[in-house]
Amino acid sequence: MPAMKFSVSATTRSPRPGETDGEDYHFLTPEEFRAQIEAGGLLEYEEVYPDQFYGTLRSEVENRSEDGPVLLDIDVNGALNVKRSFGDEALVLFIAPPSLDELKRRLKGRGTENRESLQDRLDRVEQEMEKADDCDAVVVNDELDVAVEETLARIRRFLGL
């Protein structure tokens, strides 16, 4: 879907090896992130862990939407906030793991999490999965090719393509 533009999220977490500011995330300090909150510069945001914020800069969506639809890769709380703001102009797809055990295996395989951060992520996923039914649709990422095709089909239908 070449016309679709990807919105780069903002975060206060430290960059992982190989991540580039402005490409993977907009890396902000907690003070810079709070200033964006105060100025109304965020479409949605959440303090996921103490002083670890994630959010979508309004400027990202506004600038990219001039050229076509915008894809946001955000957590379920942020997605539901966007849905409340945009209503039927937004499609919220919940991408679910086939199971928590499989998600744990995948996260361990990435090698980006320590034991504590892995458990924090798994605990958070359990909470997020409780909100899956509030989304427009759920896509289970069991087989990647199947999940991608289902996701693209839902987006195409939404956009009338």
N, C-alpha and C. Protein backbone atom coordinates (compact mmCIF):
# COMPACT_ATOMS: atom_id res chain seq x y z
N MET A 1 0.85 -1.18 0.00
CA MET A 1 0.00 0.00 0.00
C MET A 1 0.90 1.24 0.00
N PRO A 2 1.44 1.55 -1.15
CA PRO A 2 2.43 2.63 -1.22
C PRO A 2 1.87 4.01 -0.84
N ALA A 3 0.56 4.21 -0.96
CA ALA A 3 0.01 5.52 -0.61
C ALA A 3 -0.08 5.74 0.89
N MET A 4 0.00 4.66 1.68
CA MET A 4 -0.12 4.77 3.13
C MET A 4 1.19 5.26 3.72
N LYS A 5 1.08 6.22 4.63
CA LYS A 5 2.24 6.79 5.30
C LYS A 5 2.29 6.28 6.73
N PHE A 6 3.49 6.02 7.22
CA PHE A 6 3.68 5.50 8.57
C PHE A 6 3.98 6.65 9.52
N SER A 7 3.26 6.71 10.61
CA SER A 7 3.50 7.71 11.64
C SER A 7 4.55 7.20 12.61
N VAL A 8 5.62 7.94 12.78
CA VAL A 8 6.68 7.57 13.71
C VAL A 8 6.28 8.04 15.11
N SER A 9 6.19 7.10 16.03
CA SER A 9 5.78 7.41 17.40
C SER A 9 6.89 8.13 18.16
N ALA A 10 6.51 8.76 19.25
CA ALA A 10 7.45 9.40 20.16
C ALA A 10 7.56 8.55 21.42
N THR A 11 8.74 8.55 22.02
CA THR A 11 8.95 7.80 23.26
C THR A 11 10.04 8.46 24.09
N THR A 12 10.02 8.15 25.37
CA THR A 12 11.08 8.62 26.26
C THR A 12 12.06 7.50 26.59
N ARG A 13 11.83 6.31 26.06
CA ARG A 13 12.79 5.24 26.34
C ARG A 13 14.06 5.49 25.53
N SER A 14 15.13 4.86 25.95
CA SER A 14 16.41 4.99 25.25
C SER A 14 16.37 4.22 23.94
N PRO A 15 17.06 4.72 22.93
CA PRO A 15 17.13 3.97 21.67
C PRO A 15 17.83 2.63 21.87
N ARG A 16 17.31 1.63 21.19
CA ARG A 16 17.98 0.32 21.15
C ARG A 16 19.06 0.39 20.08
N PRO A 17 20.02 -0.54 20.15
CA PRO A 17 21.07 -0.54 19.11
C PRO A 17 20.46 -0.59 17.71
N GLY A 18 20.94 0.30 16.85
CA GLY A 18 20.48 0.34 15.47
C GLY A 18 19.28 1.24 15.23
N GLU A 19 18.63 1.74 16.28
CA GLU A 19 17.47 2.62 16.10
C GLU A 19 17.94 4.05 15.82
N THR A 20 17.19 4.73 14.95
CA THR A 20 17.52 6.09 14.54
C THR A 20 16.39 7.03 14.93
N ASP A 21 16.76 8.15 15.54
CA ASP A 21 15.78 9.17 15.91
C ASP A 21 15.10 9.70 14.66
N GLY A 22 13.78 9.76 14.70
CA GLY A 22 13.01 10.27 13.57
C GLY A 22 12.62 9.19 12.57
N GLU A 23 13.27 8.04 12.63
CA GLU A 23 12.92 6.92 11.75
C GLU A 23 12.19 5.83 12.52
N ASP A 24 12.81 5.39 13.61
CA ASP A 24 12.20 4.33 14.42
C ASP A 24 11.25 4.93 15.45
N TYR A 25 11.68 5.97 16.09
CA TYR A 25 10.90 6.75 17.06
C TYR A 25 11.44 8.17 17.06
N HIS A 26 10.64 9.06 17.62
CA HIS A 26 11.15 10.37 18.00
C HIS A 26 11.52 10.20 19.47
N PHE A 27 12.82 10.19 19.76
CA PHE A 27 13.28 9.97 21.13
C PHE A 27 13.31 11.31 21.86
N LEU A 28 12.48 11.43 22.88
CA LEU A 28 12.35 12.65 23.65
C LEU A 28 12.73 12.39 25.10
N THR A 29 13.15 13.42 25.80
CA THR A 29 13.34 13.30 27.24
C THR A 29 11.96 13.35 27.90
N PRO A 30 11.84 12.88 29.14
CA PRO A 30 10.54 13.01 29.83
C PRO A 30 10.06 14.46 29.89
N GLU A 31 10.99 15.40 30.04
CA GLU A 31 10.61 16.82 30.09
C GLU A 31 10.08 17.30 28.74
N GLU A 32 10.73 16.89 27.66
CA GLU A 32 10.26 17.26 26.32
C GLU A 32 8.88 16.64 26.04
N PHE A 33 8.69 15.41 26.49
CA PHE A 33 7.41 14.74 26.27
C PHE A 33 6.31 15.46 27.04
N ARG A 34 6.59 15.80 28.29
CA ARG A 34 5.59 16.52 29.11
C ARG A 34 5.27 17.88 28.50
N ALA A 35 6.26 18.53 27.92
CA ALA A 35 6.02 19.82 27.26
C ALA A 35 5.07 19.62 26.07
N GLN A 36 5.23 18.53 25.33
CA GLN A 36 4.32 18.23 24.23
C GLN A 36 2.89 18.00 24.74
N ILE A 37 2.78 17.31 25.87
CA ILE A 37 1.46 17.09 26.47
C ILE A 37 0.82 18.43 26.81
N GLU A 38 1.57 19.28 27.49
CA GLU A 38 1.06 20.60 27.90
C GLU A 38 0.64 21.45 26.71
N ALA A 39 1.40 21.36 25.62
CA ALA A 39 1.14 22.19 24.44
C ALA A 39 0.05 21.60 23.54
N GLY A 40 -0.46 20.42 23.90
CA GLY A 40 -1.47 19.78 23.05
C GLY A 40 -0.86 19.19 21.79
N GLY A 41 0.43 18.89 21.83
CA GLY A 41 1.13 18.40 20.66
C GLY A 41 1.02 16.90 20.41
N LEU A 42 0.24 16.21 21.26
CA LEU A 42 0.11 14.76 21.10
C LEU A 42 -1.33 14.39 20.80
N LEU A 43 -1.51 13.54 19.81
CA LEU A 43 -2.82 13.02 19.47
C LEU A 43 -3.28 12.02 20.52
N GLU A 44 -2.34 11.24 21.00
CA GLU A 44 -2.58 10.27 22.06
C GLU A 44 -1.24 10.00 22.73
N TYR A 45 -1.31 9.59 23.99
CA TYR A 45 -0.08 9.23 24.69
C TYR A 45 -0.43 8.41 25.91
N GLU A 46 0.59 7.76 26.43
CA GLU A 46 0.42 7.00 27.65
C GLU A 46 1.76 6.87 28.36
N GLU A 47 1.71 6.96 29.67
CA GLU A 47 2.88 6.67 30.48
C GLU A 47 2.82 5.17 30.78
N VAL A 48 3.54 4.40 29.98
CA VAL A 48 3.47 2.94 30.03
C VAL A 48 4.11 2.41 31.31
N TYR A 49 5.25 2.96 31.65
CA TYR A 49 5.97 2.67 32.88
C TYR A 49 6.39 4.02 33.44
N PRO A 50 6.77 4.11 34.71
CA PRO A 50 7.15 5.42 35.27
C PRO A 50 8.21 6.13 34.41
N ASP A 51 7.86 7.33 33.98
CA ASP A 51 8.73 8.18 33.14
C ASP A 51 9.04 7.58 31.78
N GLN A 52 8.32 6.53 31.38
CA GLN A 52 8.50 5.96 30.04
C GLN A 52 7.19 6.16 29.28
N PHE A 53 7.18 7.22 28.48
CA PHE A 53 6.00 7.61 27.71
C PHE A 53 6.11 7.13 26.27
N TYR A 54 4.96 6.87 25.68
CA TYR A 54 4.84 6.62 24.25
C TYR A 54 3.67 7.45 23.76
N GLY A 55 3.75 7.96 22.55
CA GLY A 55 2.64 8.73 22.03
C GLY A 55 2.80 9.04 20.56
N THR A 56 1.77 9.70 20.03
CA THR A 56 1.75 10.09 18.62
C THR A 56 1.72 11.61 18.54
N LEU A 57 2.73 12.18 17.93
CA LEU A 57 2.77 13.63 17.73
C LEU A 57 1.71 14.03 16.71
N ARG A 58 0.93 15.04 17.05
CA ARG A 58 -0.08 15.54 16.10
C ARG A 58 0.57 15.90 14.76
N SER A 59 1.73 16.51 14.83
CA SER A 59 2.41 16.95 13.61
C SER A 59 2.72 15.77 12.69
N GLU A 60 3.04 14.60 13.25
CA GLU A 60 3.30 13.41 12.44
C GLU A 60 2.08 13.07 11.59
N VAL A 61 0.92 13.02 12.23
CA VAL A 61 -0.31 12.62 11.53
C VAL A 61 -0.75 13.72 10.57
N GLU A 62 -0.72 14.96 11.02
CA GLU A 62 -1.17 16.07 10.17
C GLU A 62 -0.29 16.19 8.92
N ASN A 63 1.02 16.13 9.09
CA ASN A 63 1.92 16.27 7.94
C ASN A 63 1.81 15.11 6.98
N ARG A 64 1.68 13.90 7.50
CA ARG A 64 1.64 12.72 6.64
C ARG A 64 0.27 12.52 6.01
N SER A 65 -0.80 12.98 6.66
CA SER A 65 -2.15 12.75 6.12
C SER A 65 -2.42 13.57 4.87
N GLU A 66 -1.61 14.58 4.60
CA GLU A 66 -1.77 15.37 3.38
C GLU A 66 -1.54 14.51 2.13
N ASP A 67 -0.76 13.44 2.30
CA ASP A 67 -0.39 12.60 1.16
C ASP A 67 -1.17 11.29 1.09
N GLY A 68 -2.09 11.05 2.02
CA GLY A 68 -2.86 9.81 1.99
C GLY A 68 -3.12 9.29 3.40
N PRO A 69 -3.63 8.06 3.49
CA PRO A 69 -3.94 7.50 4.81
C PRO A 69 -2.67 7.32 5.64
N VAL A 70 -2.83 7.38 6.96
CA VAL A 70 -1.71 7.28 7.89
C VAL A 70 -1.88 6.05 8.75
N LEU A 71 -0.80 5.28 8.89
CA LEU A 71 -0.78 4.09 9.72
C LEU A 71 -0.10 4.41 11.04
N LEU A 72 -0.78 4.11 12.14
CA LEU A 72 -0.21 4.28 13.47
C LEU A 72 -0.02 2.90 14.07
N ASP A 73 1.15 2.65 14.61
CA ASP A 73 1.46 1.40 15.30
C ASP A 73 1.55 1.76 16.78
N ILE A 74 0.41 1.64 17.48
CA ILE A 74 0.31 2.11 18.86
C ILE A 74 -0.40 1.07 19.72
N ASP A 75 -0.31 1.27 21.03
CA ASP A 75 -0.95 0.31 21.93
C ASP A 75 -2.47 0.50 21.91
N VAL A 76 -3.15 -0.43 22.50
CA VAL A 76 -4.61 -0.46 22.42
C VAL A 76 -5.25 0.76 23.08
N ASN A 77 -4.69 1.24 24.18
CA ASN A 77 -5.27 2.42 24.83
C ASN A 77 -5.17 3.64 23.92
N GLY A 78 -4.01 3.83 23.32
CA GLY A 78 -3.85 4.94 22.39
C GLY A 78 -4.76 4.81 21.19
N ALA A 79 -4.88 3.59 20.67
CA ALA A 79 -5.73 3.35 19.51
C ALA A 79 -7.19 3.66 19.83
N LEU A 80 -7.63 3.27 21.00
CA LEU A 80 -9.03 3.55 21.37
C LEU A 80 -9.24 5.04 21.60
N ASN A 81 -8.22 5.75 22.05
CA ASN A 81 -8.32 7.21 22.17
C ASN A 81 -8.42 7.86 20.80
N VAL A 82 -7.64 7.36 19.84
CA VAL A 82 -7.71 7.88 18.47
C VAL A 82 -9.10 7.60 17.90
N LYS A 83 -9.62 6.42 18.15
CA LYS A 83 -10.96 6.04 17.66
C LYS A 83 -12.01 6.98 18.25
N ARG A 84 -11.88 7.30 19.52
CA ARG A 84 -12.84 8.25 20.14
C ARG A 84 -12.76 9.62 19.47
N SER A 85 -11.55 10.03 19.11
CA SER A 85 -11.37 11.34 18.47
C SER A 85 -11.85 11.36 17.03
N PHE A 86 -11.58 10.29 16.28
CA PHE A 86 -11.85 10.29 14.84
C PHE A 86 -13.05 9.45 14.43
N GLY A 87 -13.60 8.67 15.35
CA GLY A 87 -14.78 7.87 15.04
C GLY A 87 -14.59 6.97 13.85
N ASP A 88 -15.55 7.04 12.90
CA ASP A 88 -15.52 6.17 11.73
C ASP A 88 -14.42 6.51 10.73
N GLU A 89 -13.68 7.59 10.97
CA GLU A 89 -12.56 7.92 10.09
C GLU A 89 -11.30 7.13 10.46
N ALA A 90 -11.38 6.37 11.57
CA ALA A 90 -10.24 5.57 12.01
C ALA A 90 -10.63 4.10 12.06
N LEU A 91 -9.72 3.25 11.65
CA LEU A 91 -9.88 1.80 11.74
C LEU A 91 -8.89 1.31 12.79
N VAL A 92 -9.39 0.61 13.80
CA VAL A 92 -8.53 0.09 14.85
C VAL A 92 -8.48 -1.43 14.77
N LEU A 93 -7.30 -1.92 14.41
CA LEU A 93 -7.07 -3.37 14.34
C LEU A 93 -6.20 -3.77 15.53
N PHE A 94 -6.64 -4.78 16.24
CA PHE A 94 -5.86 -5.31 17.35
C PHE A 94 -5.09 -6.51 16.81
N ILE A 95 -3.77 -6.42 16.84
CA ILE A 95 -2.93 -7.53 16.38
C ILE A 95 -2.57 -8.35 17.61
N ALA A 96 -3.10 -9.56 17.67
CA ALA A 96 -2.97 -10.40 18.86
C ALA A 96 -1.97 -11.53 18.62
N PRO A 97 -1.24 -11.88 19.67
CA PRO A 97 -0.39 -13.06 19.56
C PRO A 97 -1.26 -14.31 19.61
N PRO A 98 -0.76 -15.42 19.06
CA PRO A 98 -1.56 -16.65 19.12
C PRO A 98 -1.75 -17.13 20.56
N SER A 99 -0.79 -16.81 21.43
CA SER A 99 -0.87 -17.16 22.85
C SER A 99 0.18 -16.36 23.60
N LEU A 100 0.04 -16.28 24.91
CA LEU A 100 1.06 -15.59 25.71
C LEU A 100 2.37 -16.37 25.71
N ASP A 101 2.29 -17.70 25.68
CA ASP A 101 3.51 -18.50 25.63
C ASP A 101 4.29 -18.24 24.34
N GLU A 102 3.57 -18.16 23.23
CA GLU A 102 4.24 -17.89 21.96
C GLU A 102 4.83 -16.48 21.94
N LEU A 103 4.12 -15.52 22.50
CA LEU A 103 4.65 -14.16 22.57
C LEU A 103 5.93 -14.14 23.41
N LYS A 104 5.91 -14.82 24.53
CA LYS A 104 7.09 -14.89 25.38
C LYS A 104 8.27 -15.48 24.61
N ARG A 105 8.02 -16.54 23.86
CA ARG A 105 9.07 -17.18 23.06
C ARG A 105 9.63 -16.19 22.03
N ARG A 106 8.74 -15.45 21.36
CA ARG A 106 9.17 -14.49 20.34
C ARG A 106 9.99 -13.36 20.95
N LEU A 107 9.52 -12.84 22.08
CA LEU A 107 10.25 -11.74 22.73
C LEU A 107 11.62 -12.20 23.21
N LYS A 108 11.69 -13.39 23.77
CA LYS A 108 12.99 -13.92 24.19
C LYS A 108 13.91 -14.07 22.98
N GLY A 109 13.36 -14.51 21.86
CA GLY A 109 14.14 -14.71 20.65
C GLY A 109 14.72 -13.41 20.09
N ARG A 110 14.02 -12.30 20.32
CA ARG A 110 14.53 -11.01 19.84
C ARG A 110 15.79 -10.58 20.59
N GLY A 111 15.86 -11.01 21.86
CA GLY A 111 17.02 -10.66 22.68
C GLY A 111 17.09 -9.21 23.08
N THR A 112 15.95 -8.51 23.10
CA THR A 112 15.95 -7.08 23.46
C THR A 112 15.42 -6.83 24.87
N GLU A 113 15.01 -7.89 25.55
CA GLU A 113 14.39 -7.73 26.87
C GLU A 113 15.22 -8.45 27.94
N ASN A 114 15.32 -7.82 29.11
CA ASN A 114 15.86 -8.55 30.25
C ASN A 114 14.68 -9.22 30.98
N ARG A 115 14.94 -9.98 32.00
CA ARG A 115 13.89 -10.74 32.66
C ARG A 115 12.76 -9.83 33.18
N GLU A 116 13.14 -8.72 33.79
CA GLU A 116 12.14 -7.80 34.35
C GLU A 116 11.31 -7.13 33.25
N SER A 117 11.96 -6.63 32.21
CA SER A 117 11.21 -5.96 31.14
C SER A 117 10.34 -6.95 30.38
N LEU A 118 10.81 -8.20 30.25
CA LEU A 118 10.00 -9.22 29.60
C LEU A 118 8.72 -9.47 30.39
N GLN A 119 8.84 -9.60 31.70
CA GLN A 119 7.65 -9.83 32.53
C GLN A 119 6.72 -8.62 32.50
N ASP A 120 7.29 -7.42 32.52
CA ASP A 120 6.46 -6.21 32.43
C ASP A 120 5.66 -6.21 31.13
N ARG A 121 6.31 -6.56 30.03
CA ARG A 121 5.63 -6.58 28.74
C ARG A 121 4.52 -7.63 28.71
N LEU A 122 4.80 -8.81 29.24
CA LEU A 122 3.80 -9.87 29.25
C LEU A 122 2.60 -9.49 30.12
N ASP A 123 2.87 -8.86 31.26
CA ASP A 123 1.78 -8.41 32.13
C ASP A 123 0.92 -7.38 31.40
N ARG A 124 1.57 -6.49 30.70
CA ARG A 124 0.86 -5.43 29.97
C ARG A 124 0.02 -6.03 28.83
N VAL A 125 0.56 -7.01 28.13
CA VAL A 125 -0.18 -7.64 27.03
C VAL A 125 -1.46 -8.27 27.55
N GLU A 126 -1.39 -8.90 28.70
CA GLU A 126 -2.60 -9.50 29.27
C GLU A 126 -3.68 -8.44 29.48
N GLN A 127 -3.28 -7.28 30.00
CA GLN A 127 -4.24 -6.19 30.21
C GLN A 127 -4.77 -5.68 28.87
N GLU A 128 -3.89 -5.55 27.89
CA GLU A 128 -4.31 -5.05 26.58
C GLU A 128 -5.27 -6.00 25.90
N MET A 129 -5.04 -7.29 26.04
CA MET A 129 -5.90 -8.27 25.38
C MET A 129 -7.34 -8.20 25.87
N GLU A 130 -7.53 -7.71 27.08
CA GLU A 130 -8.88 -7.55 27.61
C GLU A 130 -9.66 -6.49 26.83
N LYS A 131 -8.97 -5.63 26.11
CA LYS A 131 -9.62 -4.56 25.36
C LYS A 131 -9.75 -4.86 23.87
N ALA A 132 -9.31 -6.03 23.45
CA ALA A 132 -9.32 -6.38 22.03
C ALA A 132 -10.72 -6.27 21.43
N ASP A 133 -11.73 -6.66 22.17
CA ASP A 133 -13.10 -6.63 21.64
C ASP A 133 -13.63 -5.21 21.45
N ASP A 134 -12.95 -4.21 22.03
CA ASP A 134 -13.35 -2.81 21.83
C ASP A 134 -12.85 -2.26 20.49
N CYS A 135 -11.98 -3.01 19.83
CA CYS A 135 -11.42 -2.59 18.55
C CYS A 135 -12.35 -3.00 17.41
N ASP A 136 -12.09 -2.47 16.23
CA ASP A 136 -12.93 -2.78 15.08
C ASP A 136 -12.77 -4.24 14.65
N ALA A 137 -11.58 -4.80 14.82
CA ALA A 137 -11.34 -6.20 14.45
C ALA A 137 -10.07 -6.68 15.15
N VAL A 138 -9.97 -8.00 15.28
CA VAL A 138 -8.79 -8.64 15.86
C VAL A 138 -8.15 -9.51 14.79
N VAL A 139 -6.85 -9.36 14.61
CA VAL A 139 -6.08 -10.19 13.69
C VAL A 139 -5.08 -10.96 14.54
N VAL A 140 -5.14 -12.29 14.48
CA VAL A 140 -4.21 -13.11 15.25
C VAL A 140 -2.96 -13.34 14.41
N ASN A 141 -1.82 -12.94 14.95
CA ASN A 141 -0.54 -13.07 14.25
C ASN A 141 0.07 -14.44 14.58
N ASP A 142 -0.55 -15.47 14.02
CA ASP A 142 -0.05 -16.83 14.19
C ASP A 142 0.90 -17.15 13.05
N GLU A 143 0.39 -17.08 11.83
CA GLU A 143 1.23 -17.24 10.64
C GLU A 143 1.33 -15.86 10.00
N LEU A 144 2.55 -15.36 9.92
CA LEU A 144 2.78 -13.98 9.48
C LEU A 144 2.12 -13.66 8.14
N ASP A 145 2.29 -14.51 7.13
CA ASP A 145 1.73 -14.24 5.81
C ASP A 145 0.21 -14.12 5.85
N VAL A 146 -0.42 -14.97 6.62
CA VAL A 146 -1.89 -14.95 6.75
C VAL A 146 -2.33 -13.68 7.47
N ALA A 147 -1.62 -13.33 8.55
CA ALA A 147 -1.97 -12.13 9.32
C ALA A 147 -1.80 -10.87 8.47
N VAL A 148 -0.74 -10.82 7.68
CA VAL A 148 -0.51 -9.66 6.81
C VAL A 148 -1.63 -9.55 5.78
N GLU A 149 -1.98 -10.64 5.15
CA GLU A 149 -3.05 -10.60 4.14
C GLU A 149 -4.39 -10.19 4.75
N GLU A 150 -4.70 -10.72 5.92
CA GLU A 150 -5.96 -10.33 6.58
C GLU A 150 -5.95 -8.85 6.93
N THR A 151 -4.83 -8.37 7.44
CA THR A 151 -4.71 -6.95 7.80
C THR A 151 -4.88 -6.08 6.57
N LEU A 152 -4.18 -6.41 5.49
CA LEU A 152 -4.29 -5.62 4.27
C LEU A 152 -5.71 -5.65 3.70
N ALA A 153 -6.35 -6.80 3.75
CA ALA A 153 -7.72 -6.90 3.24
C ALA A 153 -8.65 -6.00 4.05
N ARG A 154 -8.50 -5.99 5.35
CA ARG A 154 -9.35 -5.14 6.19
C ARG A 154 -9.10 -3.66 5.92
N ILE A 155 -7.85 -3.29 5.72
CA ILE A 155 -7.51 -1.90 5.43
C ILE A 155 -8.07 -1.49 4.07
N ARG A 156 -7.91 -2.35 3.10
CA ARG A 156 -8.44 -2.04 1.75
C ARG A 156 -9.95 -1.85 1.80
N ARG A 157 -10.65 -2.72 2.50
CA ARG A 157 -12.12 -2.57 2.62
C ARG A 157 -12.46 -1.24 3.29
N PHE A 158 -11.74 -0.92 4.36
CA PHE A 158 -11.98 0.33 5.08
C PHE A 158 -11.78 1.54 4.17
N LEU A 159 -10.73 1.50 3.35
CA LEU A 159 -10.40 2.63 2.46
C LEU A 159 -11.20 2.60 1.17
N GLY A 160 -11.97 1.52 0.96
CA GLY A 160 -12.75 1.41 -0.27
C GLY A 160 -11.91 1.12 -1.49
N LEU A 161 -10.83 0.39 -1.30
CA LEU A 161 -9.91 0.07 -2.42
C LEU A 161 -10.25 -1.29 -3.01
